[in-house]
Amino acid sequence: MSQLKRDVGAFQFFAFAFGAVVGVGWAVVLGDWLRQAGPIGAIAGLAAGGLSIILIGYCYAEVTALIPASGGEMAFAYELYGERVGFLVGWMLAFVYIVVAGFQAISIGWIITALIPGIEGPVLYRSLGTEVHAGTLALGLTGMAGLTWLNYRGVKGSGRAQYALVVVLLVMATAFVLTGILRGNVANLQPYFQRSESGSIWPGVLALFMTASYWFGGFNVIPVMMEERSSATSYSAVGRMIVLSIVVGVVFKTAVVLSASMTVPWRELMTMNIPAATAFEKAFGSVVLGKVVLLTALLSLLSTWNAMMVCGSRMLFAMGRSHFIASWLGEVHPVHGSPANGVLFTGLAGTAVTLLGRNAILPIVNSSSTCLGIAYVLTCYGVVKLRRSRPDAPRPSRVPGGMPTVVLALAGSLFAFGLSLYQPWADAKGKVPLEPVMLAIWIALGAVAWIVGGRARAAFSQVERRRIIVGATE
């Protein structure tokens, strides 16, 4: 059986997970967060959603230690719910990782254009009602090619790059966040909430809570990469890194909302292109401080992008090796020890998403929240199933508080999943939103892949497939 190199230690796990969690949304959609909920409403929605994700992270830590297999949730679902559910979860998460890689490719032009005005170039075409410029598209495609090459060369180089990106990112973020909080004005936060037409503060807060699975997702890069865990890294350390990456992500994003909203009246932020950077530059008359925020955004974008390339390629590798999809995706490069074909496929598919332009960003967020919600629900319930079926198994990581905490995590994940299905239709106001269309196309492709792969799956016994997926021999 093809095996990936075991080169990933605890701090690299944290770097990959936090890099995926931090994202670039805090820079490019801060204005949308404020438009939805206002500064305190946005902080409340993100914090409540983040707390729910932390509880889910504890569930992931416990299950990951019991089923430490490449593919993460795909392997969990296969072991706990059967072959078809395992395929469905793996397929839906492959969609998330690919489209989020495309999200970063679209966003890089947004950031670099703010750093270097005029680089966007002429308009090439229109997509989903927005213009796609030659310069920004070239930046996205170049970045996709570069990260594809880096990951093709193996996880060791990719891990070192990720670690460096995250360390510098945290240092720079700490500098501008503290500047905003210490030198800003609390009066700029008023009114604290954005109210709906009926005068309620809750629609905006719930909208942020609903998408928390996206804004704080990415910690599941760790279970996806578990086959690459170095022998010196314990399962308990892995569990701590899962939770720590979410906690730091929640603190980071809520602190950015607070600090940016204190620099200028927050309603002005809603009209700015890159709100956080423009706010700091305007409030303190410092072009340098604005550039620091933009460079921080660029680093966070690159760290998320790299993590998504890793996730997507590993999920495709695990599914290919299991003969759920084309087996050539499950091959390992003989020199680099990387899932080379999975990396190339993720890069090509992410390139296709890049061509959609900026107006694809919100549908990507919402549809990804739905897919992640499925994985969260099944993993949280998996803790319940494993405690019943393997009560005496050693648990290096345990959910604190026992079953009540697991029930809260499950309830939170179910609520967020339900909202992710409802909200796009509510926002579409009678039209068919793009999110279900994207998911329907991907599910249809999955159905075709499942049917076409039937003969290949039949060539393996269930015992052999289980050995391949979860390493079980019985």
Protein backbone atom coordinates (compact mmCIF):
# COMPACT_ATOMS: atom_id res chain seq x y z
CA MET A 1 0.00 0.00 0.00
CA SER A 2 1.24 3.50 -0.88
CA GLN A 3 2.49 5.34 2.19
CA LEU A 4 3.17 9.06 2.68
CA LYS A 5 6.34 10.27 4.41
CA ARG A 6 6.05 10.77 8.18
CA ASP A 7 7.62 14.24 8.47
CA VAL A 8 5.05 16.37 10.33
CA GLY A 9 5.60 17.37 13.96
CA ALA A 10 3.30 19.05 16.50
CA PHE A 11 4.19 22.66 15.68
CA GLN A 12 3.88 22.02 11.96
CA PHE A 13 0.45 20.54 12.60
CA PHE A 14 -0.45 23.76 14.43
CA ALA A 15 0.96 25.87 11.59
CA PHE A 16 -1.08 24.04 8.97
CA ALA A 17 -4.25 24.12 11.09
CA PHE A 18 -4.00 27.74 12.23
CA GLY A 19 -2.96 28.81 8.75
CA ALA A 20 -6.17 27.24 7.44
CA VAL A 21 -8.30 28.70 10.25
CA VAL A 22 -7.01 32.28 10.02
CA GLY A 23 -7.82 32.66 6.33
CA VAL A 24 -8.03 36.02 4.60
CA GLY A 25 -11.70 36.70 5.29
CA TRP A 26 -10.86 39.08 8.14
CA ALA A 27 -9.23 41.34 5.53
CA VAL A 28 -11.49 41.11 2.49
CA VAL A 29 -14.96 40.60 4.02
CA LEU A 30 -14.65 42.58 7.27
CA GLY A 31 -16.98 45.16 5.76
CA ASP A 32 -19.59 42.45 5.10
CA TRP A 33 -19.33 41.21 8.71
CA LEU A 34 -19.99 44.73 9.96
CA ARG A 35 -22.80 45.27 7.45
CA GLN A 36 -24.47 42.12 8.72
CA ALA A 37 -24.11 42.57 12.47
CA GLY A 38 -22.19 45.71 13.49
CA PRO A 39 -18.93 45.51 15.50
CA ILE A 40 -20.19 44.00 18.75
CA GLY A 41 -22.71 41.86 16.88
CA ALA A 42 -19.94 40.53 14.64
CA ILE A 43 -17.72 39.81 17.64
CA ALA A 44 -20.62 38.08 19.42
CA GLY A 45 -21.52 35.98 16.37
CA LEU A 46 -17.93 34.99 15.68
CA ALA A 47 -17.19 34.27 19.35
CA ALA A 48 -20.33 32.14 19.82
CA GLY A 49 -19.66 30.28 16.61
CA GLY A 50 -16.01 29.91 17.57
CA LEU A 51 -16.94 28.42 20.96
CA SER A 52 -19.12 25.88 19.17
CA ILE A 53 -16.21 25.01 16.86
CA ILE A 54 -13.86 24.63 19.85
CA LEU A 55 -16.22 22.01 21.31
CA ILE A 56 -16.31 20.31 17.92
CA GLY A 57 -12.50 20.46 17.88
CA TYR A 58 -12.37 18.49 21.13
CA CYS A 59 -14.55 15.83 19.50
CA TYR A 60 -12.18 15.73 16.55
CA ALA A 61 -9.21 15.33 18.88
CA GLU A 62 -10.77 12.29 20.55
CA VAL A 63 -11.81 10.58 17.31
CA THR A 64 -8.52 11.36 15.55
CA ALA A 65 -6.54 9.54 18.25
CA LEU A 66 -8.76 6.45 17.87
CA ILE A 67 -8.85 6.47 14.04
CA PRO A 68 -5.52 8.05 12.98
CA ALA A 69 -5.83 7.62 9.21
CA SER A 70 -5.13 9.64 6.09
CA GLY A 71 -8.27 11.34 4.90
CA GLY A 72 -9.53 12.31 8.35
CA GLU A 73 -13.32 12.52 8.29
CA MET A 74 -13.54 10.22 5.27
CA ALA A 75 -11.89 7.49 7.32
CA PHE A 76 -14.01 8.33 10.39
CA ALA A 77 -17.23 8.11 8.38
CA TYR A 78 -16.17 4.87 6.67
CA GLU A 79 -15.35 3.18 9.97
CA LEU A 80 -18.40 4.46 11.84
CA TYR A 81 -21.14 4.67 9.20
CA GLY A 82 -20.09 2.53 6.27
CA GLU A 83 -18.67 2.73 2.78
CA ARG A 84 -21.22 5.02 1.10
CA VAL A 85 -21.17 7.61 3.88
CA GLY A 86 -17.38 7.51 3.89
CA PHE A 87 -17.33 8.26 0.17
CA LEU A 88 -19.91 11.06 0.50
CA VAL A 89 -18.01 12.81 3.30
CA GLY A 90 -14.69 12.51 1.47
CA TRP A 91 -16.20 13.79 -1.76
CA MET A 92 -17.90 16.79 -0.11
CA LEU A 93 -14.74 17.77 1.77
CA ALA A 94 -12.65 17.46 -1.39
CA PHE A 95 -15.06 20.06 -2.83
CA VAL A 96 -14.44 22.36 0.17
CA TYR A 97 -10.66 22.20 -0.09
CA ILE A 98 -10.65 22.77 -3.85
CA VAL A 99 -13.05 25.73 -3.85
CA VAL A 100 -11.36 27.34 -0.85
CA ALA A 101 -8.01 27.06 -2.66
CA GLY A 102 -9.77 28.92 -5.48
CA PHE A 103 -11.08 31.48 -2.94
CA GLN A 104 -7.49 32.30 -2.01
CA ALA A 105 -6.45 32.57 -5.66
CA ILE A 106 -9.27 35.04 -6.28
CA SER A 107 -8.44 37.02 -3.12
CA ILE A 108 -4.69 37.38 -3.76
CA GLY A 109 -5.35 39.85 -6.55
CA TRP A 110 -7.55 41.83 -4.17
CA ILE A 111 -4.71 42.11 -1.63
CA ILE A 112 -1.84 42.76 -4.01
CA THR A 113 -3.84 45.38 -5.94
CA ALA A 114 -4.17 47.28 -2.67
CA LEU A 115 -0.42 46.94 -2.11
CA ILE A 116 0.49 47.85 -5.70
CA PRO A 117 -2.30 49.97 -7.24
CA GLY A 118 -2.77 49.54 -10.97
CA ILE A 119 -1.52 45.97 -11.15
CA GLU A 120 -5.00 44.60 -11.87
CA GLY A 121 -4.65 45.25 -15.61
CA PRO A 122 -7.37 45.35 -18.28
CA VAL A 123 -10.72 43.58 -18.05
CA LEU A 124 -10.65 40.12 -19.68
CA TYR A 125 -14.27 39.06 -19.18
CA ARG A 126 -17.22 39.19 -16.80
CA SER A 127 -18.19 36.32 -14.50
CA LEU A 128 -21.22 36.17 -12.18
CA GLY A 129 -21.77 39.88 -12.73
CA THR A 130 -18.25 41.06 -11.91
CA GLU A 131 -15.22 41.98 -14.02
CA VAL A 132 -12.20 39.68 -14.12
CA HIS A 133 -8.95 41.56 -14.76
CA ALA A 134 -5.88 40.17 -16.50
CA GLY A 135 -3.41 41.16 -13.77
CA THR A 136 -5.36 39.80 -10.81
CA LEU A 137 -6.19 36.60 -12.68
CA ALA A 138 -2.50 36.15 -13.54
CA LEU A 139 -1.59 36.57 -9.86
CA GLY A 140 -4.09 33.90 -8.84
CA LEU A 141 -2.99 31.44 -11.50
CA THR A 142 0.70 32.03 -10.76
CA GLY A 143 0.15 31.47 -7.05
CA MET A 144 -1.79 28.28 -7.75
CA ALA A 145 1.03 26.99 -9.94
CA GLY A 146 3.69 27.88 -7.34
CA LEU A 147 1.92 26.16 -4.45
CA THR A 148 1.16 23.13 -6.61
CA TRP A 149 4.88 22.84 -7.33
CA LEU A 150 5.80 23.30 -3.64
CA ASN A 151 3.41 20.56 -2.49
CA TYR A 152 4.37 18.27 -5.35
CA ARG A 153 7.90 18.36 -3.92
CA GLY A 154 6.71 16.95 -0.58
CA VAL A 155 5.35 17.90 2.82
CA LYS A 156 8.74 18.69 4.38
CA GLY A 157 9.29 21.84 2.31
CA SER A 158 5.62 22.74 2.46
CA GLY A 159 5.66 22.36 6.25
CA ARG A 160 8.72 24.59 6.67
CA ALA A 161 7.15 27.28 4.50
CA GLN A 162 3.91 27.05 6.48
CA TYR A 163 5.69 27.38 9.82
CA ALA A 164 7.60 30.49 8.66
CA LEU A 165 4.44 32.09 7.27
CA VAL A 166 2.50 31.58 10.51
CA VAL A 167 5.25 32.87 12.82
CA VAL A 168 5.71 36.11 10.86
CA LEU A 169 1.93 36.47 10.47
CA LEU A 170 1.33 36.30 14.24
CA VAL A 171 4.06 38.83 15.00
CA MET A 172 2.74 41.35 12.48
CA ALA A 173 -0.91 40.84 13.47
CA THR A 174 -0.11 41.41 17.14
CA ALA A 175 1.52 44.74 16.24
CA PHE A 176 -1.42 46.24 14.35
CA VAL A 177 -4.16 44.80 16.57
CA LEU A 178 -2.59 46.28 19.71
CA THR A 179 -2.12 49.61 17.94
CA GLY A 180 -5.81 49.74 17.06
CA ILE A 181 -7.02 48.81 20.53
CA LEU A 182 -4.61 51.05 22.46
CA ARG A 183 -4.86 54.11 20.19
CA GLY A 184 -8.41 53.72 18.89
CA ASN A 185 -11.63 55.23 20.24
CA VAL A 186 -14.44 53.17 21.81
CA ALA A 187 -16.95 55.74 20.52
CA ASN A 188 -16.27 54.49 16.99
CA LEU A 189 -17.99 51.21 17.90
CA GLN A 190 -21.40 52.86 18.21
CA PRO A 191 -24.02 51.74 17.38
CA TYR A 192 -22.82 48.39 18.61
CA PHE A 193 -25.20 46.31 16.49
CA GLN A 194 -26.60 46.44 12.98
CA ARG A 195 -30.35 46.02 13.13
CA SER A 196 -32.63 44.41 10.58
CA GLU A 197 -35.65 46.15 9.04
CA SER A 198 -37.71 44.88 11.98
CA GLY A 199 -35.23 46.33 14.47
CA SER A 200 -33.75 42.99 15.57
CA ILE A 201 -30.02 42.45 16.14
CA TRP A 202 -30.28 38.67 15.78
CA PRO A 203 -30.30 38.08 11.99
CA GLY A 204 -26.78 39.48 11.64
CA VAL A 205 -25.42 37.71 14.71
CA LEU A 206 -26.91 34.40 13.54
CA ALA A 207 -25.49 34.91 10.04
CA LEU A 208 -21.98 35.11 11.53
CA PHE A 209 -22.69 32.13 13.79
CA MET A 210 -23.94 30.14 10.79
CA THR A 211 -20.74 30.60 8.82
CA ALA A 212 -18.42 29.96 11.80
CA SER A 213 -17.88 26.44 10.45
CA TYR A 214 -16.21 28.14 7.48
CA TRP A 215 -14.45 31.03 9.26
CA PHE A 216 -12.95 28.67 11.87
CA GLY A 217 -12.79 25.56 9.72
CA GLY A 218 -9.43 24.27 8.62
CA PHE A 219 -8.35 22.68 11.89
CA ASN A 220 -9.39 19.40 10.26
CA VAL A 221 -6.25 19.57 8.14
CA ILE A 222 -4.67 17.75 11.10
CA PRO A 223 -6.77 14.54 10.95
CA VAL A 224 -6.48 14.61 7.15
CA MET A 225 -2.67 14.53 7.51
CA MET A 226 -2.43 12.00 10.34
CA GLU A 227 -0.60 9.42 8.24
CA GLU A 228 2.26 11.93 8.00
CA ARG A 229 2.61 12.34 11.80
CA SER A 230 6.22 11.94 12.89
CA SER A 231 6.94 9.16 15.38
CA ALA A 232 8.05 11.77 17.96
CA THR A 233 4.61 13.45 17.96
CA SER A 234 2.09 11.95 20.41
CA TYR A 235 -1.65 11.68 19.83
CA SER A 236 -2.30 13.89 22.84
CA ALA A 237 -0.06 16.60 21.31
CA VAL A 238 -2.01 16.32 18.07
CA GLY A 239 -5.27 16.82 19.98
CA ARG A 240 -3.91 19.92 21.69
CA MET A 241 -2.87 21.40 18.35
CA ILE A 242 -6.38 20.92 16.94
CA VAL A 243 -7.98 22.88 19.78
CA LEU A 244 -5.20 25.47 20.03
CA SER A 245 -5.50 26.35 16.34
CA ILE A 246 -9.21 27.15 16.78
CA VAL A 247 -8.71 29.14 20.00
CA VAL A 248 -5.99 31.32 18.46
CA GLY A 249 -8.14 31.75 15.34
CA VAL A 250 -11.13 32.98 17.38
CA VAL A 251 -8.97 35.43 19.36
CA PHE A 252 -7.35 36.68 16.15
CA LYS A 253 -10.54 37.38 14.19
CA THR A 254 -12.52 38.95 17.01
CA ALA A 255 -9.52 41.12 17.90
CA VAL A 256 -9.25 42.31 14.29
CA VAL A 257 -12.94 43.30 14.26
CA LEU A 258 -12.53 45.20 17.54
CA SER A 259 -9.28 46.98 16.66
CA ALA A 260 -10.32 47.99 13.12
CA SER A 261 -13.73 49.23 14.32
CA MET A 262 -12.08 51.35 17.00
CA THR A 263 -9.82 53.15 14.52
CA VAL A 264 -12.61 54.83 12.51
CA PRO A 265 -16.44 54.87 12.81
CA TRP A 266 -17.33 51.37 11.74
CA ARG A 267 -19.92 52.38 9.14
CA GLU A 268 -17.07 53.91 7.14
CA LEU A 269 -15.35 50.52 7.08
CA MET A 270 -18.24 49.03 5.14
CA THR A 271 -17.40 51.19 2.12
CA MET A 272 -13.65 50.46 2.05
CA ASN A 273 -11.99 47.99 -0.33
CA ILE A 274 -9.69 46.37 2.25
CA PRO A 275 -11.32 47.75 5.43
CA ALA A 276 -8.72 46.86 8.05
CA ALA A 277 -5.75 48.22 6.10
CA THR A 278 -7.52 51.37 4.91
CA ALA A 279 -8.83 52.09 8.41
CA PHE A 280 -5.38 51.97 10.02
CA GLU A 281 -3.82 54.08 7.30
CA LYS A 282 -6.59 56.69 7.50
CA ALA A 283 -6.88 56.84 11.29
CA PHE A 284 -3.20 57.13 12.09
CA GLY A 285 -1.97 58.78 8.89
CA SER A 286 0.49 55.93 8.46
CA VAL A 287 0.97 54.36 5.05
CA VAL A 288 3.45 51.97 6.69
CA LEU A 289 0.86 50.67 9.17
CA GLY A 290 -1.62 50.14 6.33
CA LYS A 291 1.02 48.15 4.43
CA VAL A 292 1.72 46.05 7.54
CA VAL A 293 -1.95 45.05 7.64
CA LEU A 294 -1.92 44.22 3.92
CA LEU A 295 1.26 42.15 4.25
CA THR A 296 -0.31 40.31 7.19
CA ALA A 297 -3.35 39.61 5.03
CA LEU A 298 -1.09 38.32 2.26
CA LEU A 299 0.72 35.99 4.66
CA SER A 300 -2.54 34.67 6.10
CA LEU A 301 -3.85 34.12 2.58
CA LEU A 302 -0.75 32.15 1.57
CA SER A 303 -0.87 30.04 4.73
CA THR A 304 -4.52 29.15 4.15
CA TRP A 305 -3.92 28.47 0.48
CA ASN A 306 -1.03 26.13 1.23
CA ALA A 307 -3.07 24.28 3.87
CA MET A 308 -5.98 23.83 1.43
CA MET A 309 -3.62 22.41 -1.19
CA VAL A 310 -2.42 19.92 1.42
CA CYS A 311 -5.97 19.03 2.50
CA GLY A 312 -7.33 18.63 -1.00
CA SER A 313 -4.49 16.46 -2.22
CA ARG A 314 -4.55 14.22 0.89
CA MET A 315 -8.30 13.71 0.69
CA LEU A 316 -8.07 12.78 -2.99
CA PHE A 317 -5.10 10.52 -2.20
CA ALA A 318 -6.99 8.70 0.55
CA MET A 319 -10.04 8.22 -1.67
CA GLY A 320 -7.96 7.09 -4.64
CA ARG A 321 -5.94 4.62 -2.58
CA SER A 322 -9.22 3.18 -1.27
CA HIS A 323 -10.52 2.85 -4.86
CA PHE A 324 -13.45 5.14 -4.06
CA ILE A 325 -12.32 7.25 -7.03
CA ALA A 326 -9.64 6.81 -9.72
CA SER A 327 -6.79 4.78 -8.21
CA TRP A 328 -4.10 6.92 -9.86
CA LEU A 329 -4.98 9.67 -7.38
CA GLY A 330 -3.80 7.32 -4.62
CA GLU A 331 -0.25 7.01 -5.92
CA VAL A 332 2.79 8.37 -4.06
CA HIS A 333 5.69 10.05 -5.84
CA PRO A 334 8.69 7.66 -5.68
CA VAL A 335 11.18 10.42 -4.79
CA HIS A 336 9.24 13.15 -2.97
CA GLY A 337 6.85 10.86 -1.05
CA SER A 338 3.97 13.21 -1.88
CA PRO A 339 0.50 12.41 -3.26
CA ALA A 340 1.70 13.92 -6.53
CA ASN A 341 -1.37 13.21 -8.67
CA GLY A 342 -3.68 14.46 -5.93
CA VAL A 343 -1.65 17.68 -5.73
CA LEU A 344 -1.85 18.21 -9.49
CA PHE A 345 -5.61 17.54 -9.57
CA THR A 346 -6.21 19.96 -6.67
CA GLY A 347 -4.19 22.62 -8.46
CA LEU A 348 -6.04 22.18 -11.74
CA ALA A 349 -9.50 22.13 -10.14
CA GLY A 350 -8.60 25.15 -7.99
CA THR A 351 -7.51 26.95 -11.16
CA ALA A 352 -10.98 26.39 -12.65
CA VAL A 353 -12.58 27.95 -9.55
CA THR A 354 -10.21 30.94 -9.84
CA LEU A 355 -11.74 31.81 -13.21
CA LEU A 356 -15.14 32.53 -11.57
CA GLY A 357 -14.08 35.89 -10.09
CA ARG A 358 -14.92 37.73 -6.87
CA ASN A 359 -18.67 37.19 -6.87
CA ALA A 360 -18.06 33.48 -6.31
CA ILE A 361 -16.63 34.20 -2.84
CA LEU A 362 -19.86 34.31 -0.81
CA PRO A 363 -21.34 31.17 -2.47
CA ILE A 364 -18.04 29.41 -1.76
CA VAL A 365 -18.30 30.38 1.92
CA ASN A 366 -21.93 29.23 2.23
CA SER A 367 -21.60 25.96 0.30
CA SER A 368 -18.39 25.11 2.17
CA SER A 369 -20.22 25.72 5.47
CA THR A 370 -22.82 23.14 4.44
CA CYS A 371 -20.20 20.52 3.55
CA LEU A 372 -18.20 21.14 6.70
CA GLY A 373 -21.42 20.98 8.72
CA ILE A 374 -22.03 17.43 7.49
CA ALA A 375 -18.54 16.40 8.57
CA TYR A 376 -18.87 18.09 11.97
CA VAL A 377 -22.21 16.43 12.75
CA LEU A 378 -20.96 12.95 11.84
CA THR A 379 -17.68 13.36 13.72
CA CYS A 380 -19.36 14.64 16.89
CA TYR A 381 -21.84 11.78 16.83
CA GLY A 382 -18.89 9.50 16.15
CA VAL A 383 -17.63 10.25 19.68
CA VAL A 384 -20.90 8.83 21.01
CA LYS A 385 -20.64 5.72 18.83
CA LEU A 386 -17.00 5.08 19.74
CA ARG A 387 -17.65 5.45 23.46
CA ARG A 388 -20.32 2.80 23.14
CA SER A 389 -18.43 0.44 20.82
CA ARG A 390 -14.92 0.93 22.29
CA PRO A 391 -15.47 1.95 25.90
CA ASP A 392 -12.14 0.56 27.12
CA ALA A 393 -9.93 1.85 24.28
CA PRO A 394 -7.11 4.18 25.40
CA ARG A 395 -8.05 7.81 24.72
CA PRO A 396 -4.99 10.08 24.62
CA SER A 397 -7.41 12.96 23.93
CA ARG A 398 -10.79 13.13 25.64
CA VAL A 399 -13.60 15.66 25.32
CA PRO A 400 -13.58 17.64 28.61
CA GLY A 401 -16.85 17.51 30.50
CA GLY A 402 -17.82 14.15 29.04
CA MET A 403 -21.04 13.49 27.17
CA PRO A 404 -22.74 16.83 28.00
CA THR A 405 -19.98 18.61 26.09
CA VAL A 406 -20.32 16.17 23.19
CA VAL A 407 -24.09 16.82 23.08
CA LEU A 408 -23.49 20.59 23.02
CA ALA A 409 -20.99 20.20 20.17
CA LEU A 410 -23.43 18.00 18.26
CA ALA A 411 -26.29 20.46 18.81
CA GLY A 412 -24.17 23.39 17.69
CA SER A 413 -23.03 21.59 14.55
CA LEU A 414 -26.61 20.56 13.71
CA PHE A 415 -27.86 24.12 14.19
CA ALA A 416 -25.12 25.62 12.02
CA PHE A 417 -25.71 22.97 9.34
CA GLY A 418 -29.43 23.74 9.27
CA LEU A 419 -28.77 27.48 9.01
CA SER A 420 -26.29 26.93 6.18
CA LEU A 421 -29.06 25.26 4.18
CA TYR A 422 -31.68 27.90 4.99
CA GLN A 423 -29.78 31.19 4.77
CA PRO A 424 -28.82 31.19 1.04
CA TRP A 425 -32.49 30.70 0.11
CA ALA A 426 -33.56 33.45 2.49
CA ASP A 427 -30.97 35.84 1.01
CA ALA A 428 -31.89 34.95 -2.58
CA LYS A 429 -35.42 36.41 -2.13
CA GLY A 430 -37.24 34.04 -4.44
CA LYS A 431 -34.37 33.31 -6.83
CA VAL A 432 -32.37 30.08 -6.95
CA PRO A 433 -29.09 30.73 -5.08
CA LEU A 434 -25.77 29.59 -6.54
CA GLU A 435 -24.87 27.46 -3.50
CA PRO A 436 -27.28 24.54 -4.07
CA VAL A 437 -26.46 24.61 -7.79
CA MET A 438 -22.72 24.22 -7.05
CA LEU A 439 -23.38 21.42 -4.56
CA ALA A 440 -25.82 19.64 -6.89
CA ILE A 441 -23.26 19.62 -9.71
CA TRP A 442 -20.55 18.28 -7.40
CA ILE A 443 -22.85 15.58 -5.97
CA ALA A 444 -23.85 14.56 -9.51
CA LEU A 445 -20.17 14.24 -10.43
CA GLY A 446 -19.67 12.17 -7.28
CA ALA A 447 -22.52 9.87 -8.25
CA VAL A 448 -20.91 9.32 -11.65
CA ALA A 449 -17.54 8.63 -10.00
CA TRP A 450 -19.19 6.15 -7.61
CA ILE A 451 -20.95 4.27 -10.41
CA VAL A 452 -17.92 4.20 -12.71
CA GLY A 453 -15.71 2.99 -9.85
CA GLY A 454 -18.00 0.10 -8.92
CA ARG A 455 -15.93 -2.57 -10.67
CA ALA A 456 -12.67 -1.35 -9.10
CA ARG A 457 -14.24 -1.37 -5.62
CA ALA A 458 -15.55 -4.88 -6.16
CA ALA A 459 -11.99 -6.12 -6.73
CA PHE A 460 -11.23 -5.50 -3.03
CA SER A 461 -12.75 -7.28 -0.09
CA GLN A 462 -14.16 -5.22 2.79
CA VAL A 463 -11.33 -6.51 4.99
CA GLU A 464 -8.74 -5.26 2.52
CA ARG A 465 -10.45 -1.89 2.07
CA ARG A 466 -10.68 -1.38 5.82
CA ARG A 467 -6.97 -2.16 6.14
CA ILE A 468 -6.21 0.42 3.46
CA ILE A 469 -8.42 3.15 4.95
CA VAL A 470 -8.01 2.81 8.71
CA GLY A 471 -5.11 0.39 9.00
CA ALA A 472 -7.21 -2.33 10.64
CA THR A 473 -6.11 -5.92 10.16
CA GLU A 474 -9.08 -7.78 11.61
